[in-house]
Amino acid sequence: MPKMKVVGVVKTDKMNKTRRVEIPRLMKYPKYGKYVKSRTVCYVHDENEESVVGDTVEIEECRPLSKMKHWRLTKIVKKAEIIDIEEK
């Protein structure tokens, strides 16, 4: 069976080799038909600690690595833009 791949945004990078990635999606509300924003939170294994907060990453399903980690970082799609406040 092929492994599922999804794209999300890194929200926290405070843990060693672990990132919290949020996957945004739109869900249609059954009764009224209105689209509602929803999100899925995944804990991702980042072996080399390459990603930082704000990066858009591609993650892949893998075997359970811990109680909450079931995903592995495949690649960084887009790096986060760093804004320097002192330049202004």
PDB file of N, CA and C in Angstrom:
ATOM      1  N   MET A   1       0.836  -1.173   0.000  1.00  0.00           N
ATOM      2  CA  MET A   1       0.000   0.000   0.000  1.00  0.00           C
ATOM      3  C   MET A   1       0.888   1.247   0.000  1.00  0.00           C
ATOM      4  N   PRO A   2       0.615   2.237  -0.869  1.00  0.00           N
ATOM      5  CA  PRO A   2       1.450   3.438  -0.907  1.00  0.00           C
ATOM      6  C   PRO A   2       1.282   4.280   0.345  1.00  0.00           C
ATOM      7  N   LYS A   3       2.362   4.960   0.701  1.00  0.00           N
ATOM      8  CA  LYS A   3       2.329   5.826   1.876  1.00  0.00           C
ATOM      9  C   LYS A   3       1.721   7.170   1.504  1.00  0.00           C
ATOM     10  N   MET A   4       0.916   7.705   2.405  1.00  0.00           N
ATOM     11  CA  MET A   4       0.247   8.979   2.161  1.00  0.00           C
ATOM     12  C   MET A   4       1.245  10.130   2.335  1.00  0.00           C
ATOM     13  N   LYS A   5       1.189  11.102   1.428  1.00  0.00           N
ATOM     14  CA  LYS A   5       2.024  12.304   1.510  1.00  0.00           C
ATOM     15  C   LYS A   5       1.107  13.513   1.555  1.00  0.00           C
ATOM     16  N   VAL A   6       1.402  14.447   2.462  1.00  0.00           N
ATOM     17  CA  VAL A   6       0.616  15.668   2.594  1.00  0.00           C
ATOM     18  C   VAL A   6       1.561  16.858   2.778  1.00  0.00           C
ATOM     19  N   VAL A   7       1.028  18.052   2.560  1.00  0.00           N
ATOM     20  CA  VAL A   7       1.806  19.285   2.705  1.00  0.00           C
ATOM     21  C   VAL A   7       1.185  20.116   3.819  1.00  0.00           C
ATOM     22  N   GLY A   8       2.026  20.634   4.721  1.00  0.00           N
ATOM     23  CA  GLY A   8       1.545  21.451   5.827  1.00  0.00           C
ATOM     24  C   GLY A   8       2.583  22.480   6.237  1.00  0.00           C
ATOM     25  N   VAL A   9       2.261  23.227   7.290  1.00  0.00           N
ATOM     26  CA  VAL A   9       3.129  24.302   7.781  1.00  0.00           C
ATOM     27  C   VAL A   9       3.618  23.957   9.177  1.00  0.00           C
ATOM     28  N   VAL A  10       4.919  24.146   9.416  1.00  0.00           N
ATOM     29  CA  VAL A  10       5.510  23.890  10.731  1.00  0.00           C
ATOM     30  C   VAL A  10       5.058  24.987  11.685  1.00  0.00           C
ATOM     31  N   LYS A  11       4.471  24.601  12.824  1.00  0.00           N
ATOM     32  CA  LYS A  11       3.999  25.568  13.814  1.00  0.00           C
ATOM     33  C   LYS A  11       4.913  25.670  15.023  1.00  0.00           C
ATOM     34  N   THR A  12       5.534  24.556  15.437  1.00  0.00           N
ATOM     35  CA  THR A  12       6.493  24.619  16.542  1.00  0.00           C
ATOM     36  C   THR A  12       7.695  23.746  16.223  1.00  0.00           C
ATOM     37  N   ASP A  13       8.854  24.189  16.710  1.00  0.00           N
ATOM     38  CA  ASP A  13      10.080  23.410  16.539  1.00  0.00           C
ATOM     39  C   ASP A  13      10.881  23.366  17.839  1.00  0.00           C
ATOM     40  N   LYS A  14      10.176  23.356  18.955  1.00  0.00           N
ATOM     41  CA  LYS A  14      10.828  23.428  20.254  1.00  0.00           C
ATOM     42  C   LYS A  14      11.321  22.070  20.766  1.00  0.00           C
ATOM     43  N   MET A  15      10.851  20.987  20.168  1.00  0.00           N
ATOM     44  CA  MET A  15      11.257  19.654  20.607  1.00  0.00           C
ATOM     45  C   MET A  15      12.433  19.155  19.773  1.00  0.00           C
ATOM     46  N   ASN A  16      13.246  18.277  20.341  1.00  0.00           N
ATOM     47  CA  ASN A  16      14.378  17.720  19.616  1.00  0.00           C
ATOM     48  C   ASN A  16      13.883  16.735  18.571  1.00  0.00           C
ATOM     49  N   LYS A  17      14.259  16.969  17.309  1.00  0.00           N
ATOM     50  CA  LYS A  17      13.940  16.100  16.176  1.00  0.00           C
ATOM     51  C   LYS A  17      12.451  15.896  15.942  1.00  0.00           C
ATOM     52  N   THR A  18      11.626  16.759  16.498  1.00  0.00           N
ATOM     53  CA  THR A  18      10.180  16.661  16.327  1.00  0.00           C
ATOM     54  C   THR A  18       9.618  18.023  15.944  1.00  0.00           C
ATOM     55  N   ARG A  19       8.709  18.029  14.998  1.00  0.00           N
ATOM     56  CA  ARG A  19       8.042  19.254  14.575  1.00  0.00           C
ATOM     57  C   ARG A  19       6.541  19.035  14.636  1.00  0.00           C
ATOM     58  N   ARG A  20       5.814  20.100  14.972  1.00  0.00           N
ATOM     59  CA  ARG A  20       4.348  20.049  14.967  1.00  0.00           C
ATOM     60  C   ARG A  20       3.894  20.723  13.684  1.00  0.00           C
ATOM     61  N   VAL A  21       3.243  19.952  12.811  1.00  0.00           N
ATOM     62  CA  VAL A  21       2.838  20.449  11.496  1.00  0.00           C
ATOM     63  C   VAL A  21       1.322  20.495  11.434  1.00  0.00           C
ATOM     64  N   GLU A  22       0.784  21.634  10.970  1.00  0.00           N
ATOM     65  CA  GLU A  22      -0.655  21.788  10.798  1.00  0.00           C
ATOM     66  C   GLU A  22      -0.995  21.715   9.317  1.00  0.00           C
ATOM     67  N   ILE A  23      -2.013  20.912   9.005  1.00  0.00           N
ATOM     68  CA  ILE A  23      -2.476  20.746   7.635  1.00  0.00           C
ATOM     69  C   ILE A  23      -3.848  21.399   7.536  1.00  0.00           C
ATOM     70  N   PRO A  24      -3.938  22.577   6.872  1.00  0.00           N
ATOM     71  CA  PRO A  24      -5.233  23.258   6.761  1.00  0.00           C
ATOM     72  C   PRO A  24      -6.113  22.602   5.692  1.00  0.00           C
ATOM     73  N   ARG A  25      -7.423  22.659   5.883  1.00  0.00           N
ATOM     74  CA  ARG A  25      -8.354  22.137   4.888  1.00  0.00           C
ATOM     75  C   ARG A  25      -9.706  22.817   5.057  1.00  0.00           C
ATOM     76  N   LEU A  26     -10.505  22.787   4.005  1.00  0.00           N
ATOM     77  CA  LEU A  26     -11.861  23.304   4.047  1.00  0.00           C
ATOM     78  C   LEU A  26     -12.820  22.124   4.121  1.00  0.00           C
ATOM     79  N   MET A  27     -13.785  22.226   5.015  1.00  0.00           N
ATOM     80  CA  MET A  27     -14.753  21.158   5.216  1.00  0.00           C
ATOM     81  C   MET A  27     -16.149  21.728   4.999  1.00  0.00           C
ATOM     82  N   LYS A  28     -16.976  21.028   4.263  1.00  0.00           N
ATOM     83  CA  LYS A  28     -18.332  21.502   4.018  1.00  0.00           C
ATOM     84  C   LYS A  28     -19.220  21.079   5.186  1.00  0.00           C
ATOM     85  N   TYR A  29     -19.875  22.071   5.801  1.00  0.00           N
ATOM     86  CA  TYR A  29     -20.769  21.796   6.918  1.00  0.00           C
ATOM     87  C   TYR A  29     -22.012  21.110   6.361  1.00  0.00           C
ATOM     88  N   PRO A  30     -22.378  19.922   6.903  1.00  0.00           N
ATOM     89  CA  PRO A  30     -23.440  19.124   6.294  1.00  0.00           C
ATOM     90  C   PRO A  30     -24.813  19.799   6.211  1.00  0.00           C
ATOM     91  N   LYS A  31     -25.228  20.461   7.284  1.00  0.00           N
ATOM     92  CA  LYS A  31     -26.591  20.983   7.321  1.00  0.00           C
ATOM     93  C   LYS A  31     -26.775  22.215   6.434  1.00  0.00           C
ATOM     94  N   TYR A  32     -25.841  23.168   6.528  1.00  0.00           N
ATOM     95  CA  TYR A  32     -26.022  24.443   5.849  1.00  0.00           C
ATOM     96  C   TYR A  32     -25.233  24.554   4.543  1.00  0.00           C
ATOM     97  N   GLY A  33     -24.283  23.674   4.335  1.00  0.00           N
ATOM     98  CA  GLY A  33     -23.498  23.707   3.115  1.00  0.00           C
ATOM     99  C   GLY A  33     -22.401  24.759   3.099  1.00  0.00           C
ATOM    100  N   LYS A  34     -22.175  25.410   4.238  1.00  0.00           N
ATOM    101  CA  LYS A  34     -21.142  26.433   4.341  1.00  0.00           C
ATOM    102  C   LYS A  34     -19.778  25.755   4.516  1.00  0.00           C
ATOM    103  N   TYR A  35     -18.736  26.338   3.919  1.00  0.00           N
ATOM    104  CA  TYR A  35     -17.390  25.798   4.068  1.00  0.00           C
ATOM    105  C   TYR A  35     -16.744  26.378   5.320  1.00  0.00           C
ATOM    106  N   VAL A  36     -16.164  25.501   6.129  1.00  0.00           N
ATOM    107  CA  VAL A  36     -15.562  25.878   7.396  1.00  0.00           C
ATOM    108  C   VAL A  36     -14.088  25.483   7.375  1.00  0.00           C
ATOM    109  N   LYS A  37     -13.222  26.376   7.866  1.00  0.00           N
ATOM    110  CA  LYS A  37     -11.799  26.059   7.958  1.00  0.00           C
ATOM    111  C   LYS A  37     -11.585  25.036   9.067  1.00  0.00           C
ATOM    112  N   SER A  38     -10.741  24.060   8.782  1.00  0.00           N
ATOM    113  CA  SER A  38     -10.410  23.040   9.758  1.00  0.00           C
ATOM    114  C   SER A  38      -8.923  22.747   9.629  1.00  0.00           C
ATOM    115  N   ARG A  39      -8.364  22.060  10.592  1.00  0.00           N
ATOM    116  CA  ARG A  39      -6.943  21.723  10.513  1.00  0.00           C
ATOM    117  C   ARG A  39      -6.697  20.364  11.153  1.00  0.00           C
ATOM    118  N   THR A  40      -5.625  19.742  10.710  1.00  0.00           N
ATOM    119  CA  THR A  40      -5.169  18.485  11.274  1.00  0.00           C
ATOM    120  C   THR A  40      -3.760  18.722  11.794  1.00  0.00           C
ATOM    121  N   VAL A  41      -3.464  18.243  12.994  1.00  0.00           N
ATOM    122  CA  VAL A  41      -2.149  18.423  13.593  1.00  0.00           C
ATOM    123  C   VAL A  41      -1.418  17.089  13.564  1.00  0.00           C
ATOM    124  N   CYS A  42      -0.185  17.108  13.025  1.00  0.00           N
ATOM    125  CA  CYS A  42       0.646  15.910  12.966  1.00  0.00           C
ATOM    126  C   CYS A  42       1.985  16.203  13.633  1.00  0.00           C
ATOM    127  N   TYR A  43       2.510  15.233  14.342  1.00  0.00           N
ATOM    128  CA  TYR A  43       3.849  15.337  14.902  1.00  0.00           C
ATOM    129  C   TYR A  43       4.782  14.600  13.962  1.00  0.00           C
ATOM    130  N   VAL A  44       5.830  15.301  13.513  1.00  0.00           N
ATOM    131  CA  VAL A  44       6.683  14.821  12.433  1.00  0.00           C
ATOM    132  C   VAL A  44       8.114  14.635  12.931  1.00  0.00           C
ATOM    133  N   HIS A  45       8.749  13.551  12.487  1.00  0.00           N
ATOM    134  CA  HIS A  45      10.142  13.290  12.824  1.00  0.00           C
ATOM    135  C   HIS A  45      11.038  14.017  11.823  1.00  0.00           C
ATOM    136  N   ASP A  46      11.905  14.900  12.318  1.00  0.00           N
ATOM    137  CA  ASP A  46      12.859  15.641  11.491  1.00  0.00           C
ATOM    138  C   ASP A  46      14.255  15.288  11.991  1.00  0.00           C
ATOM    139  N   GLU A  47      14.866  14.296  11.374  1.00  0.00           N
ATOM    140  CA  GLU A  47      16.135  13.742  11.847  1.00  0.00           C
ATOM    141  C   GLU A  47      17.248  14.785  11.910  1.00  0.00           C
ATOM    142  N   ASN A  48      17.389  15.615  10.883  1.00  0.00           N
ATOM    143  CA  ASN A  48      18.489  16.579  10.826  1.00  0.00           C
ATOM    144  C   ASN A  48      18.116  17.957  11.354  1.00  0.00           C
ATOM    145  N   GLU A  49      16.911  18.118  11.837  1.00  0.00           N
ATOM    146  CA  GLU A  49      16.405  19.384  12.365  1.00  0.00           C
ATOM    147  C   GLU A  49      16.603  20.518  11.360  1.00  0.00           C
ATOM    148  N   GLU A  50      16.138  20.299  10.119  1.00  0.00           N
ATOM    149  CA  GLU A  50      16.302  21.267   9.039  1.00  0.00           C
ATOM    150  C   GLU A  50      15.215  22.325   9.028  1.00  0.00           C
ATOM    151  N   SER A  51      14.017  21.963   9.441  1.00  0.00           N
ATOM    152  CA  SER A  51      12.874  22.870   9.325  1.00  0.00           C
ATOM    153  C   SER A  51      12.763  23.787  10.541  1.00  0.00           C
ATOM    154  N   VAL A  52      12.165  24.962  10.289  1.00  0.00           N
ATOM    155  CA  VAL A  52      11.914  25.930  11.358  1.00  0.00           C
ATOM    156  C   VAL A  52      10.462  26.371  11.259  1.00  0.00           C
ATOM    157  N   VAL A  53      10.019  27.162  12.225  1.00  0.00           N
ATOM    158  CA  VAL A  53       8.639  27.632  12.256  1.00  0.00           C
ATOM    159  C   VAL A  53       8.337  28.448  11.005  1.00  0.00           C
ATOM    160  N   GLY A  54       7.211  28.148  10.362  1.00  0.00           N
ATOM    161  CA  GLY A  54       6.788  28.874   9.178  1.00  0.00           C
ATOM    162  C   GLY A  54       7.119  28.182   7.871  1.00  0.00           C
ATOM    163  N   ASP A  55       7.972  27.156   7.904  1.00  0.00           N
ATOM    164  CA  ASP A  55       8.305  26.425   6.685  1.00  0.00           C
ATOM    165  C   ASP A  55       7.117  25.604   6.203  1.00  0.00           C
ATOM    166  N   THR A  56       6.948  25.529   4.885  1.00  0.00           N
ATOM    167  CA  THR A  56       5.964  24.630   4.289  1.00  0.00           C
ATOM    168  C   THR A  56       6.705  23.343   3.948  1.00  0.00           C
ATOM    169  N   VAL A  57       6.231  22.225   4.492  1.00  0.00           N
ATOM    170  CA  VAL A  57       6.944  20.960   4.336  1.00  0.00           C
ATOM    171  C   VAL A  57       6.036  19.872   3.777  1.00  0.00           C
ATOM    172  N   GLU A  58       6.674  18.880   3.157  1.00  0.00           N
ATOM    173  CA  GLU A  58       5.957  17.684   2.708  1.00  0.00           C
ATOM    174  C   GLU A  58       6.316  16.565   3.678  1.00  0.00           C
ATOM    175  N   ILE A  59       5.290  15.883   4.190  1.00  0.00           N
ATOM    176  CA  ILE A  59       5.520  14.804   5.147  1.00  0.00           C
ATOM    177  C   ILE A  59       4.938  13.511   4.605  1.00  0.00           C
ATOM    178  N   GLU A  60       5.482  12.395   5.109  1.00  0.00           N
ATOM    179  CA  GLU A  60       5.089  11.082   4.632  1.00  0.00           C
ATOM    180  C   GLU A  60       4.782  10.179   5.826  1.00  0.00           C
ATOM    181  N   GLU A  61       3.792   9.348   5.660  1.00  0.00           N
ATOM    182  CA  GLU A  61       3.396   8.392   6.672  1.00  0.00           C
ATOM    183  C   GLU A  61       4.537   7.394   6.913  1.00  0.00           C
ATOM    184  N   CYS A  62       4.695   6.947   8.140  1.00  0.00           N
ATOM    185  CA  CYS A  62       5.694   5.923   8.439  1.00  0.00           C
ATOM    186  C   CYS A  62       5.229   5.099   9.639  1.00  0.00           C
ATOM    187  N   ARG A  63       6.042   4.164  10.038  1.00  0.00           N
ATOM    188  CA  ARG A  63       5.697   3.345  11.197  1.00  0.00           C
ATOM    189  C   ARG A  63       5.690   4.228  12.444  1.00  0.00           C
ATOM    190  N   PRO A  64       5.014   3.818  13.515  1.00  0.00           N
ATOM    191  CA  PRO A  64       5.012   4.629  14.735  1.00  0.00           C
ATOM    192  C   PRO A  64       6.413   4.764  15.318  1.00  0.00           C
ATOM    193  N   LEU A  65       6.860   5.995  15.478  1.00  0.00           N
ATOM    194  CA  LEU A  65       8.186   6.259  16.036  1.00  0.00           C
ATOM    195  C   LEU A  65       8.110   6.548  17.530  1.00  0.00           C
ATOM    196  N   SER A  66       6.959   6.987  17.990  1.00  0.00           N
ATOM    197  CA  SER A  66       6.715   7.216  19.411  1.00  0.00           C
ATOM    198  C   SER A  66       5.202   7.206  19.607  1.00  0.00           C
ATOM    199  N   LYS A  67       4.745   7.649  20.757  1.00  0.00           N
ATOM    200  CA  LYS A  67       3.313   7.632  21.043  1.00  0.00           C
ATOM    201  C   LYS A  67       2.535   8.497  20.059  1.00  0.00           C
ATOM    202  N   MET A  68       3.095   9.641  19.660  1.00  0.00           N
ATOM    203  CA  MET A  68       2.356  10.574  18.811  1.00  0.00           C
ATOM    204  C   MET A  68       2.958  10.755  17.420  1.00  0.00           C
ATOM    205  N   LYS A  69       4.205  10.335  17.202  1.00  0.00           N
ATOM    206  CA  LYS A  69       4.864  10.548  15.911  1.00  0.00           C
ATOM    207  C   LYS A  69       4.622   9.374  14.972  1.00  0.00           C
ATOM    208  N   HIS A  70       3.914   9.652  13.853  1.00  0.00           N
ATOM    209  CA  HIS A  70       3.653   8.634  12.832  1.00  0.00           C
ATOM    210  C   HIS A  70       3.976   9.172  11.446  1.00  0.00           C
ATOM    211  N   TRP A  71       4.700  10.279  11.388  1.00  0.00           N
ATOM    212  CA  TRP A  71       5.022  10.940  10.128  1.00  0.00           C
ATOM    213  C   TRP A  71       6.508  11.250  10.090  1.00  0.00           C
ATOM    214  N   ARG A  72       7.064  11.326   8.873  1.00  0.00           N
ATOM    215  CA  ARG A  72       8.473  11.639   8.671  1.00  0.00           C
ATOM    216  C   ARG A  72       8.580  12.771   7.649  1.00  0.00           C
ATOM    217  N   LEU A  73       9.515  13.696   7.888  1.00  0.00           N
ATOM    218  CA  LEU A  73       9.733  14.822   6.981  1.00  0.00           C
ATOM    219  C   LEU A  73      10.375  14.318   5.693  1.00  0.00           C
ATOM    220  N   THR A  74       9.747  14.630   4.545  1.00  0.00           N
ATOM    221  CA  THR A  74      10.285  14.229   3.250  1.00  0.00           C
ATOM    222  C   THR A  74      11.139  15.338   2.658  1.00  0.00           C
ATOM    223  N   LYS A  75      10.542  16.549   2.531  1.00  0.00           N
ATOM    224  CA  LYS A  75      11.300  17.679   1.996  1.00  0.00           C
ATOM    225  C   LYS A  75      10.665  18.987   2.430  1.00  0.00           C
ATOM    226  N   ILE A  76      11.457  20.047   2.324  1.00  0.00           N
ATOM    227  CA  ILE A  76      10.965  21.388   2.620  1.00  0.00           C
ATOM    228  C   ILE A  76      10.543  22.003   1.291  1.00  0.00           C
ATOM    229  N   VAL A  77       9.260  22.308   1.162  1.00  0.00           N
ATOM    230  CA  VAL A  77       8.723  22.871  -0.077  1.00  0.00           C
ATOM    231  C   VAL A  77       9.083  24.339  -0.196  1.00  0.00           C
ATOM    232  N   LYS A  78       8.911  25.100   0.905  1.00  0.00           N
ATOM    233  CA  LYS A  78       9.178  26.541   0.892  1.00  0.00           C
ATOM    234  C   LYS A  78       9.697  26.958   2.258  1.00  0.00           C
ATOM    235  N   LYS A  79      10.815  27.681   2.268  1.00  0.00           N
ATOM    236  CA  LYS A  79      11.375  28.172   3.518  1.00  0.00           C
ATOM    237  C   LYS A  79      10.588  29.389   3.995  1.00  0.00           C
ATOM    238  N   ALA A  80      10.568  29.593   5.307  1.00  0.00           N
ATOM    239  CA  ALA A  80       9.880  30.740   5.899  1.00  0.00           C
ATOM    240  C   ALA A  80      10.670  32.012   5.627  1.00  0.00           C
ATOM    241  N   GLU A  81       9.949  33.111   5.415  1.00  0.00           N
ATOM    242  CA  GLU A  81      10.597  34.399   5.214  1.00  0.00           C
ATOM    243  C   GLU A  81      10.923  35.014   6.568  1.00  0.00           C
ATOM    244  N   ILE A  82      12.176  35.383   6.751  1.00  0.00           N
ATOM    245  CA  ILE A  82      12.617  35.989   8.003  1.00  0.00           C
ATOM    246  C   ILE A  82      12.589  37.501   7.823  1.00  0.00           C
ATOM    247  N   ILE A  83      11.857  38.176   8.693  1.00  0.00           N
ATOM    248  CA  ILE A  83      11.734  39.637   8.620  1.00  0.00           C
ATOM    249  C   ILE A  83      12.617  40.245   9.694  1.00  0.00           C
ATOM    250  N   ASP A  84      13.531  41.106   9.273  1.00  0.00           N
ATOM    251  CA  ASP A  84      14.431  41.766  10.198  1.00  0.00           C
ATOM    252  C   ASP A  84      13.828  43.120  10.580  1.00  0.00           C
ATOM    253  N   ILE A  85      13.507  43.304  11.852  1.00  0.00           N
ATOM    254  CA  ILE A  85      12.852  44.513  12.344  1.00  0.00           C
ATOM    255  C   ILE A  85      13.827  45.693  12.400  1.00  0.00           C
ATOM    256  N   GLU A  86      15.101  45.431  12.654  1.00  0.00           N
ATOM    257  CA  GLU A  86      16.087  46.490  12.839  1.00  0.00           C
ATOM    258  C   GLU A  86      16.416  47.235  11.546  1.00  0.00           C
ATOM    259  N   GLU A  87      16.117  46.675  10.372  1.00  0.00           N
ATOM    260  CA  GLU A  87      16.431  47.327   9.108  1.00  0.00           C
ATOM    261  C   GLU A  87      15.596  48.580   8.880  1.00  0.00           C
ATOM    262  N   LYS A  88      14.412  48.649   9.459  1.00  0.00           N
ATOM    263  CA  LYS A  88      13.529  49.802   9.272  1.00  0.00           C
ATOM    264  C   LYS A  88      13.997  50.946  10.069  1.00  0.00           C
TER     265      LYS A  88
END
